[in-house]
Amino acid sequence: MGWLSDETGLDKCAANYVPLTPLSHLNRAKSVFPELEAVVYGTRRYSYAQYHARVSQLASALHQRGIKPGDVVATLIPNLPAQAEAHFGVPACGAVLNTINTRLDTDTVAYIFDHGEARIVLCDTQFLALAEAAKEACDGDGPEIIEVGDAQSSYPATGRFPEYEDVLAGGDPNFAWIMPQDEWESLALNYTSGTTGRPKGVVYHHRGAYLMTMGTVISWRMQLHPKFLAIVPLFHCNGWNHTWMMPVLGGTVHCCRDITPEAIYTAIAEEGVTHFGGAPIVLNMIVNADASVRKPFSHTVEVYTAGAPPAPATLAKIEKLGFNITHVYGLTETYGHVTENIWNPALDTAPAEEIAAFKARQGVAFPMMEHVTVLDEAGAQVPMDSKSQGEIVMRGNAVMKGYLKNPDATQEAFSGGYFHSGDIAIQHPDTHIQIADRAKDIIISGGENVSSVEVEGVLMSHPDVSLCAVVAKPDEKWGEVPCAFVELKEGATPDADALIAHARAKLAGFKTPKQVVFQELPKTSTGKIQKFELRNQAKTL
């Protein structure tokens, strides 16, 4: 083995090894970009020097309130500066950050408080009643509440609890951050949607978040000083880790409390926003925005979209408006996006429909991932023939530590040395993955598998359709048949026969919806359509 058999003196030490953590990014930015804007929200603008000082004050204040390394600090906050500050300030005192979905019900929030053992919750005034009710419903005392007022959005602090800015004022801006001794230490706790039972607590480590920030810079082809609009909720996979990433590039986080077409167009036109991420529903919102809220801009806006396969028709429309869409894919268990659709230059001159269809693919592994592929039920690689289906599996540095207090679910999720997504997909000859459906969303009609995603893509190409979802409806003859739920564009007239005829012209008969229901679709806070609610509704039709 030569000299490798004797590596005397070649040990890790303070000079050559530092545990990876996204906290390092903000420490560096304080020195490298002190005067550049770090966070913007309405009239509030913080430089990197100010951002670092506020984060330090938060860490200090939490430490003063008895928070120790390993304790959990929760948040119930929209995408505001306090939520961005918590992403650094909570781990800077050694604690674990638990960002909670603000749209959850009282019982679920109480369960998360109890299960995660949160000691403190930072809560926006709008959601104070939710936090109070959840605390009251806890098995124990529940977390201490610190109120985060937002006067400029008509949510001034009530004064019933210690107020965030007052708490910060009592903290030390020169507080010495408690950096991780091991990059495997827990950084964040995120809960799954819990649509089929109690949500599971997904635990992130510092190493994974750090490498997510580096992989994203490469994949998004980013340069220094981007202006990032925070649309993806920071309680969803920690906003895909983008807030932890911005200090790497000296970028600016533009906070956005309410996601509306006007807010998006204003941020782009007036603040020069260059990047944002969002579910396909956000793309739809932009495409269908009224002319009165649209504002002209001259630069190309880079957009990551994920959460559901975007309809090729939507992709074709939005790119004409000045947005370049990159389709990514991931889960709560993978810190957010772990596959990317890498563009094929050979398609530069292809017809618009072919370009949009390619961009609808979920793509290939991000740089920080080791392997992402599609396996069959026996755990073997599926043929990459654009038709054989299997489950998306992955392994790499951006996979969770596991599920909190649930070793059985963790073991099941990691069986065979991969994380199992539960998403059904095909692989193309160029190795790109394309989701066919969630396993639970496949419709089996007369023994034939129907991909709801395929049917939705066809319906979305109809000029009257704004949004749609296709689920299984029980049928005495066929077992199940496709049922479409549709949101129409403003001014469009409901015509089920026309939509069914449109689908029949492009799909096999067994794939064509047998019923169309016109209504507003139930959605999660990140814009995902809640198909489980529609499946329940379809059973009663």
Protein backbone atom coordinates (compact mmCIF):
# COMPACT_ATOMS: atom_id res chain seq x y z
CA MET A 1 0.00 0.00 0.00
CA GLY A 2 3.04 2.29 0.06
CA TRP A 3 2.90 5.35 2.23
CA LEU A 4 -0.88 5.00 2.68
CA SER A 5 -0.21 2.22 5.18
CA ASP A 6 1.51 4.72 7.49
CA GLU A 7 -0.16 8.12 7.65
CA THR A 8 1.55 9.28 10.82
CA GLY A 9 1.07 13.02 11.28
CA LEU A 10 -1.67 13.21 8.62
CA ASP A 11 -4.51 13.58 11.09
CA LYS A 12 -7.51 15.87 11.12
CA CYS A 13 -6.89 19.01 13.16
CA ALA A 14 -8.29 22.50 13.63
CA ALA A 15 -6.24 23.77 10.70
CA ASN A 16 -7.45 21.28 8.10
CA TYR A 17 -10.92 20.16 9.20
CA VAL A 18 -14.04 22.11 10.15
CA PRO A 19 -17.48 20.49 10.43
CA LEU A 20 -19.63 21.59 7.52
CA THR A 21 -22.51 23.89 8.49
CA PRO A 22 -24.49 26.63 6.72
CA LEU A 23 -23.73 28.86 9.71
CA SER A 24 -20.28 29.35 8.18
CA HIS A 25 -21.83 31.15 5.21
CA LEU A 26 -23.22 34.02 7.27
CA ASN A 27 -20.04 34.30 9.33
CA ARG A 28 -18.10 34.76 6.09
CA ALA A 29 -20.64 37.16 4.55
CA LYS A 30 -20.40 39.46 7.58
CA SER A 31 -16.76 40.11 6.65
CA VAL A 32 -16.90 39.81 2.87
CA PHE A 33 -20.20 41.60 2.14
CA PRO A 34 -20.82 43.76 5.26
CA GLU A 35 -22.56 46.66 3.46
CA LEU A 36 -24.54 44.64 0.91
CA GLU A 37 -28.26 44.11 1.44
CA ALA A 38 -28.97 40.74 3.02
CA VAL A 39 -32.67 40.91 3.84
CA VAL A 40 -35.42 43.16 2.48
CA TYR A 41 -39.05 43.38 3.59
CA GLY A 42 -41.07 46.46 2.74
CA THR A 43 -39.43 49.38 4.50
CA ARG A 44 -37.01 47.14 6.41
CA ARG A 45 -33.58 46.59 4.86
CA TYR A 46 -30.68 44.91 6.65
CA SER A 47 -27.07 44.77 5.49
CA TYR A 48 -25.03 41.63 6.11
CA ALA A 49 -23.37 43.33 9.07
CA GLN A 50 -26.79 44.12 10.55
CA TYR A 51 -28.17 40.67 9.66
CA HIS A 52 -25.31 38.92 11.45
CA ALA A 53 -25.71 41.18 14.49
CA ARG A 54 -29.45 40.48 14.70
CA VAL A 55 -28.89 36.74 14.34
CA SER A 56 -26.30 36.93 17.11
CA GLN A 57 -28.74 38.84 19.32
CA LEU A 58 -31.37 36.15 18.72
CA ALA A 59 -28.93 33.37 19.59
CA SER A 60 -27.86 35.26 22.70
CA ALA A 61 -31.45 35.96 23.77
CA LEU A 62 -32.42 32.30 23.37
CA HIS A 63 -29.35 31.28 25.36
CA GLN A 64 -30.36 33.74 28.10
CA ARG A 65 -33.81 32.11 28.19
CA GLY A 66 -32.25 28.76 28.99
CA ILE A 67 -32.04 27.23 25.53
CA LYS A 68 -29.23 24.65 25.49
CA PRO A 69 -27.59 22.77 22.60
CA GLY A 70 -29.99 20.11 21.36
CA ASP A 71 -33.14 21.92 22.52
CA VAL A 72 -35.83 22.61 19.95
CA VAL A 73 -37.05 26.11 19.07
CA ALA A 74 -40.15 26.25 16.86
CA THR A 75 -41.52 28.98 14.61
CA LEU A 76 -44.99 29.85 13.26
CA ILE A 77 -44.00 32.66 10.91
CA PRO A 78 -44.57 33.53 7.22
CA ASN A 79 -41.58 34.42 5.06
CA LEU A 80 -40.53 37.42 7.13
CA PRO A 81 -37.09 38.62 8.33
CA ALA A 82 -37.63 36.93 11.71
CA GLN A 83 -38.07 33.57 9.97
CA ALA A 84 -34.84 34.09 8.00
CA GLU A 85 -33.03 35.17 11.17
CA ALA A 86 -34.28 32.08 13.02
CA HIS A 87 -32.63 29.87 10.40
CA PHE A 88 -29.26 31.11 11.60
CA GLY A 89 -29.99 32.33 15.12
CA VAL A 90 -31.54 29.12 16.47
CA PRO A 91 -28.65 26.83 15.42
CA ALA A 92 -26.15 29.57 16.41
CA CYS A 93 -27.04 28.85 20.04
CA GLY A 94 -26.77 25.10 19.41
CA ALA A 95 -30.52 24.50 19.20
CA VAL A 96 -32.57 22.68 16.55
CA LEU A 97 -34.93 24.73 14.37
CA ASN A 98 -38.51 23.47 13.92
CA THR A 99 -40.38 25.60 11.37
CA ILE A 100 -44.08 24.70 11.56
CA ASN A 101 -46.62 24.98 8.75
CA THR A 102 -48.85 27.95 9.60
CA ARG A 103 -51.87 26.33 7.92
CA LEU A 104 -52.04 23.31 10.18
CA ASP A 105 -54.91 22.74 12.59
CA THR A 106 -54.60 23.16 16.36
CA ASP A 107 -54.44 19.45 17.12
CA THR A 108 -51.57 18.86 14.67
CA VAL A 109 -49.57 21.84 15.92
CA ALA A 110 -50.06 20.62 19.50
CA TYR A 111 -48.82 17.19 18.43
CA ILE A 112 -45.73 18.76 16.84
CA PHE A 113 -45.06 20.84 19.96
CA ASP A 114 -45.24 17.70 22.08
CA HIS A 115 -43.42 15.33 19.74
CA GLY A 116 -40.59 17.74 18.95
CA GLU A 117 -40.43 18.95 22.56
CA ALA A 118 -40.19 22.61 21.54
CA ARG A 119 -39.07 24.84 24.40
CA ILE A 120 -39.91 28.16 22.70
CA VAL A 121 -42.04 29.12 19.69
CA LEU A 122 -41.52 32.36 17.75
CA CYS A 123 -45.01 33.20 16.53
CA ASP A 124 -46.28 35.81 14.10
CA THR A 125 -49.22 37.80 15.46
CA GLN A 126 -51.54 36.49 12.72
CA PHE A 127 -51.07 32.94 14.07
CA LEU A 128 -51.03 33.75 17.76
CA ALA A 129 -54.45 32.21 18.39
CA LEU A 130 -53.25 28.98 16.77
CA ALA A 131 -50.13 28.88 18.96
CA GLU A 132 -52.12 29.62 22.13
CA ALA A 133 -54.72 26.95 21.39
CA ALA A 134 -52.03 24.40 20.50
CA LYS A 135 -50.08 25.19 23.66
CA GLU A 136 -53.25 24.72 25.71
CA ALA A 137 -53.82 21.34 24.01
CA CYS A 138 -50.29 20.09 24.73
CA ASP A 139 -49.80 17.13 27.08
CA GLY A 140 -47.30 19.20 29.07
CA ASP A 141 -46.79 22.94 29.48
CA GLY A 142 -46.00 23.51 25.81
CA PRO A 143 -43.46 26.03 24.53
CA GLU A 144 -42.97 29.60 25.72
CA ILE A 145 -44.46 32.00 23.17
CA ILE A 146 -42.49 34.94 21.78
CA GLU A 147 -44.65 37.16 19.58
CA VAL A 148 -43.39 38.43 16.22
CA GLY A 149 -45.34 41.55 15.28
CA ASP A 150 -45.60 42.80 11.71
CA ALA A 151 -47.07 46.29 11.92
CA GLN A 152 -46.40 47.17 8.29
CA SER A 153 -48.72 44.35 7.23
CA SER A 154 -51.40 45.30 9.79
CA TYR A 155 -50.36 42.72 12.37
CA PRO A 156 -48.96 44.81 15.23
CA ALA A 157 -47.95 42.93 18.37
CA THR A 158 -50.73 42.42 20.89
CA GLY A 159 -48.47 42.87 23.90
CA ARG A 160 -49.71 39.67 25.52
CA PHE A 161 -46.31 38.00 25.16
CA PRO A 162 -42.66 39.05 25.00
CA GLU A 163 -42.21 40.72 21.61
CA TYR A 164 -39.50 39.57 19.20
CA GLU A 165 -37.80 42.96 18.73
CA ASP A 166 -37.70 43.53 22.49
CA VAL A 167 -36.24 40.07 23.01
CA LEU A 168 -33.59 40.78 20.36
CA ALA A 169 -32.74 44.09 22.01
CA GLY A 170 -31.74 42.19 25.13
CA GLY A 171 -29.36 39.94 23.19
CA ASP A 172 -25.64 40.45 22.61
CA PRO A 173 -24.73 41.30 18.98
CA ASN A 174 -21.24 39.92 19.72
CA PHE A 175 -22.50 36.59 21.09
CA ALA A 176 -20.06 33.77 20.31
CA TRP A 177 -21.94 31.30 18.15
CA ILE A 178 -22.04 27.70 19.31
CA MET A 179 -20.82 25.94 16.18
CA PRO A 180 -21.38 22.19 15.70
CA GLN A 181 -18.58 19.92 16.88
CA ASP A 182 -19.83 17.26 14.47
CA GLU A 183 -21.44 18.02 11.11
CA TRP A 184 -23.87 15.14 11.76
CA GLU A 185 -25.41 17.14 14.61
CA SER A 186 -29.10 17.93 14.13
CA LEU A 187 -29.81 21.30 12.52
CA ALA A 188 -33.53 21.29 11.80
CA LEU A 189 -36.71 19.31 12.41
CA ASN A 190 -39.39 19.37 9.71
CA TYR A 191 -42.70 17.56 9.73
CA THR A 192 -44.25 15.79 6.76
CA SER A 193 -47.73 16.77 5.62
CA GLY A 194 -49.44 14.08 7.67
CA THR A 195 -52.34 13.63 5.25
CA THR A 196 -52.63 9.91 6.06
CA GLY A 197 -51.99 10.04 9.80
CA ARG A 198 -49.73 11.83 12.23
CA PRO A 199 -46.91 13.74 10.51
CA LYS A 200 -43.42 12.31 10.81
CA GLY A 201 -40.55 14.40 12.16
CA VAL A 202 -37.74 14.62 9.60
CA VAL A 203 -34.34 15.44 11.08
CA TYR A 204 -31.72 17.36 9.04
CA HIS A 205 -27.99 17.54 9.83
CA HIS A 206 -25.59 20.45 9.28
CA ARG A 207 -23.62 18.58 6.61
CA GLY A 208 -26.65 17.98 4.41
CA ALA A 209 -27.80 21.60 4.53
CA TYR A 210 -24.30 22.89 3.76
CA LEU A 211 -23.95 20.64 0.73
CA MET A 212 -27.46 21.54 -0.45
CA THR A 213 -26.39 25.19 -0.57
CA MET A 214 -23.32 24.33 -2.62
CA GLY A 215 -25.11 21.96 -5.00
CA THR A 216 -27.84 24.52 -5.67
CA VAL A 217 -25.35 27.24 -6.65
CA ILE A 218 -23.97 24.92 -9.33
CA SER A 219 -27.29 23.61 -10.59
CA TRP A 220 -28.99 27.01 -10.73
CA ARG A 221 -25.97 28.43 -12.55
CA MET A 222 -25.80 31.23 -9.99
CA GLN A 223 -23.40 34.18 -9.89
CA LEU A 224 -22.64 36.71 -7.19
CA HIS A 225 -25.35 38.97 -5.74
CA PRO A 226 -28.61 37.35 -6.82
CA LYS A 227 -31.87 38.88 -5.64
CA PHE A 228 -33.98 36.04 -4.32
CA LEU A 229 -37.73 36.26 -3.69
CA ALA A 230 -38.79 33.93 -0.85
CA ILE A 231 -41.98 32.36 -2.21
CA VAL A 232 -41.52 28.75 -1.07
CA PRO A 233 -42.52 28.83 2.61
CA LEU A 234 -39.52 28.65 4.92
CA PHE A 235 -41.47 26.05 6.88
CA HIS A 236 -41.35 23.78 3.82
CA CYS A 237 -37.97 22.00 3.69
CA ASN A 238 -36.57 25.23 5.15
CA GLY A 239 -37.46 26.98 1.92
CA TRP A 240 -35.43 24.41 -0.04
CA ASN A 241 -32.42 25.70 1.95
CA HIS A 242 -32.22 28.87 -0.14
CA THR A 243 -32.05 31.22 2.84
CA TRP A 244 -29.03 29.31 4.15
CA MET A 245 -27.50 29.64 0.66
CA MET A 246 -27.86 33.38 0.00
CA PRO A 247 -24.86 34.50 2.11
CA VAL A 248 -22.57 32.29 -0.02
CA LEU A 249 -23.15 34.66 -2.92
CA GLY A 250 -23.76 37.91 -1.08
CA GLY A 251 -27.33 37.66 -2.28
CA THR A 252 -30.45 39.40 -1.01
CA VAL A 253 -33.47 37.61 0.45
CA HIS A 254 -36.63 39.52 -0.45
CA CYS A 255 -39.30 38.45 2.02
CA CYS A 256 -42.86 37.97 0.85
CA ARG A 257 -45.72 37.58 3.31
CA ASP A 258 -48.56 37.04 0.84
CA ILE A 259 -47.88 35.34 -2.48
CA THR A 260 -49.85 37.18 -5.15
CA PRO A 261 -49.18 37.95 -8.83
CA GLU A 262 -48.88 41.64 -7.95
CA ALA A 263 -46.28 40.96 -5.24
CA ILE A 264 -44.24 38.80 -7.62
CA TYR A 265 -44.32 41.24 -10.56
CA THR A 266 -43.57 44.20 -8.27
CA ALA A 267 -40.55 42.46 -6.73
CA ILE A 268 -39.19 41.65 -10.18
CA ALA A 269 -39.84 45.03 -11.78
CA GLU A 270 -39.02 47.32 -8.84
CA GLU A 271 -36.48 45.33 -6.80
CA GLY A 272 -34.82 43.48 -9.68
CA VAL A 273 -35.52 40.00 -8.31
CA THR A 274 -33.58 37.44 -10.33
CA HIS A 275 -34.49 34.09 -8.72
CA PHE A 276 -37.33 32.37 -6.94
CA GLY A 277 -38.76 28.92 -6.41
CA GLY A 278 -42.39 27.89 -6.43
CA ALA A 279 -44.89 25.13 -7.08
CA PRO A 280 -46.58 24.94 -10.51
CA ILE A 281 -49.55 26.80 -9.03
CA VAL A 282 -47.27 29.86 -8.73
CA LEU A 283 -46.38 29.56 -12.42
CA ASN A 284 -50.09 29.35 -13.18
CA MET A 285 -50.68 32.47 -11.10
CA ILE A 286 -48.07 34.38 -13.12
CA VAL A 287 -49.37 33.18 -16.49
CA ASN A 288 -52.98 34.02 -15.67
CA ALA A 289 -52.28 37.35 -13.94
CA ASP A 290 -54.50 40.24 -14.95
CA ALA A 291 -52.82 42.77 -17.20
CA SER A 292 -53.37 45.45 -14.56
CA VAL A 293 -50.90 43.82 -12.12
CA ARG A 294 -48.23 42.88 -14.66
CA LYS A 295 -45.19 45.13 -14.75
CA PRO A 296 -42.52 45.17 -17.46
CA PHE A 297 -39.00 43.92 -16.78
CA SER A 298 -36.05 43.40 -19.10
CA HIS A 299 -34.03 40.62 -17.41
CA THR A 300 -34.62 36.87 -17.40
CA VAL A 301 -35.91 35.53 -14.08
CA GLU A 302 -34.63 32.09 -13.11
CA VAL A 303 -37.30 29.90 -11.51
CA TYR A 304 -37.11 26.54 -9.80
CA THR A 305 -40.42 24.71 -9.83
CA ALA A 306 -41.29 21.58 -7.88
CA GLY A 307 -44.04 20.05 -5.78
CA ALA A 308 -45.98 18.54 -8.68
CA PRO A 309 -45.16 17.94 -12.34
CA PRO A 310 -45.84 21.24 -14.16
CA ALA A 311 -48.10 20.99 -17.18
CA PRO A 312 -46.18 21.41 -20.45
CA ALA A 313 -48.79 23.96 -21.53
CA THR A 314 -48.01 26.15 -18.50
CA LEU A 315 -44.28 25.89 -19.11
CA ALA A 316 -44.69 26.92 -22.73
CA LYS A 317 -46.65 30.04 -21.75
CA ILE A 318 -44.51 31.31 -18.87
CA GLU A 319 -41.20 31.24 -20.71
CA LYS A 320 -42.57 33.73 -23.24
CA LEU A 321 -43.06 36.18 -20.35
CA GLY A 322 -39.36 36.32 -19.40
CA PHE A 323 -39.01 33.40 -16.99
CA ASN A 324 -36.59 30.50 -17.45
CA ILE A 325 -38.00 27.44 -15.69
CA THR A 326 -35.87 24.65 -14.25
CA HIS A 327 -37.86 21.69 -13.03
CA VAL A 328 -36.51 20.13 -9.81
CA TYR A 329 -37.79 17.40 -7.53
CA GLY A 330 -37.40 16.30 -3.96
CA LEU A 331 -39.13 15.65 -0.67
CA THR A 332 -39.10 16.85 2.92
CA GLU A 333 -36.83 13.90 3.64
CA THR A 334 -34.24 15.19 1.14
CA TYR A 335 -33.96 18.85 2.24
CA GLY A 336 -36.00 19.80 -0.82
CA HIS A 337 -34.80 19.41 -4.40
CA VAL A 338 -32.36 16.60 -5.22
CA THR A 339 -32.94 16.17 -8.96
CA GLU A 340 -32.73 18.79 -11.69
CA ASN A 341 -33.81 18.94 -15.30
CA ILE A 342 -30.57 19.64 -17.16
CA TRP A 343 -31.30 21.27 -20.49
CA ASN A 344 -30.30 19.53 -23.71
CA PRO A 345 -28.97 22.17 -26.19
CA ALA A 346 -29.98 19.91 -29.07
CA LEU A 347 -33.56 20.98 -28.31
CA ASP A 348 -32.87 24.70 -28.68
CA THR A 349 -34.63 24.80 -32.05
CA ALA A 350 -37.25 22.15 -31.29
CA PRO A 351 -40.97 22.94 -31.43
CA ALA A 352 -42.34 24.65 -28.31
CA GLU A 353 -44.42 21.62 -27.31
CA GLU A 354 -41.34 19.34 -27.43
CA ILE A 355 -39.30 21.81 -25.37
CA ALA A 356 -42.05 22.08 -22.75
CA ALA A 357 -42.48 18.30 -22.61
CA PHE A 358 -38.74 17.88 -21.95
CA LYS A 359 -38.78 20.54 -19.25
CA ALA A 360 -41.57 18.69 -17.45
CA ARG A 361 -39.13 15.88 -16.57
CA GLN A 362 -37.77 15.67 -13.03
CA GLY A 363 -34.24 15.10 -14.39
CA VAL A 364 -31.04 13.77 -12.86
CA ALA A 365 -29.27 13.90 -9.50
CA PHE A 366 -28.00 17.17 -8.03
CA PRO A 367 -24.20 17.37 -7.51
CA MET A 368 -24.42 16.70 -3.75
CA MET A 369 -26.31 13.43 -4.32
CA GLU A 370 -24.59 10.11 -4.88
CA HIS A 371 -27.25 8.25 -6.86
CA VAL A 372 -30.87 8.83 -7.83
CA THR A 373 -32.59 6.24 -9.99
CA VAL A 374 -35.74 4.17 -10.53
CA LEU A 375 -36.02 0.62 -9.18
CA ASP A 376 -38.67 -2.05 -9.69
CA GLU A 377 -40.42 -3.96 -6.90
CA ALA A 378 -37.53 -6.42 -6.69
CA GLY A 379 -35.03 -3.59 -6.17
CA ALA A 380 -33.58 -3.87 -9.69
CA GLN A 381 -32.92 -0.99 -12.08
CA VAL A 382 -35.83 -0.49 -14.48
CA PRO A 383 -35.04 -0.40 -18.20
CA MET A 384 -34.39 3.19 -19.29
CA ASP A 385 -36.88 2.92 -22.11
CA SER A 386 -39.26 5.79 -21.34
CA LYS A 387 -42.06 3.38 -20.38
CA SER A 388 -41.02 0.89 -17.66
CA GLN A 389 -42.20 2.10 -14.28
CA GLY A 390 -40.66 1.83 -10.82
CA GLU A 391 -40.05 3.81 -7.63
CA ILE A 392 -37.69 6.79 -7.39
CA VAL A 393 -34.96 6.01 -4.84
CA MET A 394 -31.95 8.04 -3.77
CA ARG A 395 -28.88 8.11 -1.60
CA GLY A 396 -26.46 10.90 -0.85
CA ASN A 397 -25.57 13.71 1.50
CA ALA A 398 -28.93 15.46 1.19
CA VAL A 399 -30.95 12.67 2.76
CA MET A 400 -32.34 13.08 6.27
CA LYS A 401 -30.86 11.50 9.38
CA GLY A 402 -34.19 9.75 9.85
CA TYR A 403 -37.61 10.14 11.43
CA LEU A 404 -37.62 11.44 15.00
CA LYS A 405 -38.61 8.76 17.55
CA ASN A 406 -39.66 6.41 14.74
CA PRO A 407 -36.90 3.85 14.07
CA ASP A 408 -39.25 1.42 12.30
CA ALA A 409 -40.34 4.02 9.72
CA THR A 410 -36.71 5.10 9.29
CA GLN A 411 -35.57 1.53 8.66
CA GLU A 412 -38.36 0.97 6.17
CA ALA A 413 -37.59 4.21 4.32
CA PHE A 414 -33.88 3.28 4.05
CA SER A 415 -34.30 -0.38 3.07
CA GLY A 416 -31.76 -1.62 0.55
CA GLY A 417 -29.43 1.32 1.13
CA TYR A 418 -31.65 3.92 -0.55
CA PHE A 419 -34.31 6.34 0.59
CA HIS A 420 -37.60 5.24 -0.95
CA SER A 421 -39.69 8.17 -2.21
CA GLY A 422 -43.01 6.49 -2.92
CA ASP A 423 -43.10 8.26 -6.30
CA ILE A 424 -43.63 6.17 -9.42
CA ALA A 425 -41.55 7.14 -12.45
CA ILE A 426 -40.01 6.13 -15.74
CA GLN A 427 -36.44 6.73 -16.92
CA HIS A 428 -35.50 7.92 -20.36
CA PRO A 429 -32.46 6.65 -22.30
CA ASP A 430 -30.57 9.83 -21.28
CA THR A 431 -31.16 8.74 -17.61
CA HIS A 432 -33.61 11.60 -16.93
CA ILE A 433 -36.36 10.62 -14.51
CA GLN A 434 -39.98 11.53 -15.14
CA ILE A 435 -42.68 11.00 -12.54
CA ALA A 436 -45.63 8.94 -13.68
CA ASP A 437 -47.48 9.36 -10.39
CA ARG A 438 -47.44 8.96 -6.67
CA ALA A 439 -48.01 5.27 -5.94
CA LYS A 440 -51.29 6.17 -4.25
CA ASP A 441 -52.41 8.33 -7.22
CA ILE A 442 -52.16 5.65 -9.91
CA ILE A 443 -55.65 4.85 -11.25
CA ILE A 444 -56.22 1.19 -12.13
CA SER A 445 -59.08 1.01 -14.62
CA GLY A 446 -60.02 -2.42 -15.92
CA GLY A 447 -56.57 -3.69 -15.01
CA GLU A 448 -54.83 -0.87 -16.90
CA ASN A 449 -52.68 1.71 -15.09
CA VAL A 450 -53.68 5.31 -15.73
CA SER A 451 -51.25 8.09 -14.82
CA SER A 452 -53.16 11.01 -13.34
CA VAL A 453 -50.21 13.23 -14.30
CA GLU A 454 -50.61 12.34 -17.99
CA VAL A 455 -54.34 13.07 -17.98
CA GLU A 456 -53.81 16.35 -16.11
CA GLY A 457 -51.23 17.44 -18.66
CA VAL A 458 -53.74 16.97 -21.49
CA LEU A 459 -56.52 18.82 -19.65
CA MET A 460 -54.16 21.70 -18.82
CA SER A 461 -53.58 22.20 -22.54
CA HIS A 462 -57.23 23.27 -22.96
CA PRO A 463 -57.42 27.08 -23.18
CA ASP A 464 -60.20 27.33 -20.56
CA VAL A 465 -58.44 25.33 -17.83
CA SER A 466 -56.54 27.15 -15.10
CA LEU A 467 -55.81 24.17 -12.84
CA CYS A 468 -56.90 20.56 -12.60
CA ALA A 469 -56.44 17.32 -10.70
CA VAL A 470 -57.39 13.80 -11.72
CA VAL A 471 -58.18 11.08 -9.18
CA ALA A 472 -59.74 7.63 -9.11
CA LYS A 473 -63.51 7.34 -8.88
CA PRO A 474 -64.94 3.93 -7.88
CA ASP A 475 -66.74 2.20 -10.75
CA GLU A 476 -68.75 -1.02 -10.66
CA LYS A 477 -67.59 -2.21 -14.08
CA TRP A 478 -63.98 -1.01 -14.30
CA GLY A 479 -63.05 -0.85 -10.60
CA GLU A 480 -61.82 2.72 -10.99
CA VAL A 481 -62.16 5.40 -13.64
CA PRO A 482 -60.50 8.82 -13.97
CA CYS A 483 -62.43 11.75 -12.50
CA ALA A 484 -61.27 15.31 -13.19
CA PHE A 485 -61.63 18.27 -10.86
CA VAL A 486 -61.13 21.54 -12.73
CA GLU A 487 -60.64 25.23 -11.93
CA LEU A 488 -61.54 27.34 -14.96
CA LYS A 489 -59.99 30.61 -16.02
CA GLU A 490 -62.00 33.72 -15.25
CA GLY A 491 -64.83 34.15 -17.75
CA ALA A 492 -64.74 30.55 -19.01
CA THR A 493 -67.98 28.56 -19.12
CA PRO A 494 -68.13 25.07 -17.58
CA ASP A 495 -68.48 22.49 -20.34
CA ALA A 496 -67.70 18.96 -19.20
CA ASP A 497 -68.47 17.41 -22.58
CA ALA A 498 -65.98 19.70 -24.31
CA LEU A 499 -63.21 18.85 -21.87
CA ILE A 500 -63.88 15.12 -22.14
CA ALA A 501 -63.82 15.38 -25.94
CA HIS A 502 -60.55 17.33 -25.75
CA ALA A 503 -59.01 14.56 -23.63
CA ARG A 504 -60.41 11.76 -25.79
CA ALA A 505 -58.74 13.28 -28.85
CA LYS A 506 -55.32 12.87 -27.23
CA LEU A 507 -55.69 9.88 -24.87
CA ALA A 508 -56.72 6.26 -25.00
CA GLY A 509 -60.36 5.73 -24.09
CA PHE A 510 -59.65 4.16 -20.69
CA LYS A 511 -57.52 7.18 -19.74
CA THR A 512 -60.21 9.73 -20.61
CA PRO A 513 -62.02 11.26 -17.60
CA LYS A 514 -65.51 9.88 -17.19
CA GLN A 515 -66.65 12.85 -15.11
CA VAL A 516 -65.58 16.47 -14.74
CA VAL A 517 -66.29 18.49 -11.60
CA PHE A 518 -65.82 22.28 -11.67
CA GLN A 519 -64.71 23.74 -8.34
CA GLU A 520 -61.84 25.37 -6.49
CA LEU A 521 -59.19 22.75 -5.71
CA PRO A 522 -58.04 22.19 -2.10
CA LYS A 523 -54.35 23.08 -1.75
CA THR A 524 -51.57 22.95 0.81
CA SER A 525 -49.63 26.03 1.86
CA THR A 526 -47.02 25.26 -0.81
CA GLY A 527 -49.60 25.00 -3.58
CA LYS A 528 -49.82 21.22 -3.78
CA ILE A 529 -53.29 19.98 -4.60
CA GLN A 530 -54.65 17.82 -1.77
CA LYS A 531 -55.70 14.82 -3.81
CA PHE A 532 -56.70 12.81 -0.77
CA GLU A 533 -59.59 15.24 -0.27
CA LEU A 534 -60.60 14.90 -3.91
CA ARG A 535 -60.41 11.09 -3.72
CA ASN A 536 -62.78 11.19 -0.76
CA GLN A 537 -65.10 13.50 -2.69
CA ALA A 538 -65.00 11.27 -5.78
CA LYS A 539 -66.27 8.34 -3.71
CA THR A 540 -69.51 10.23 -3.10
CA LEU A 541 -70.18 11.31 -6.70
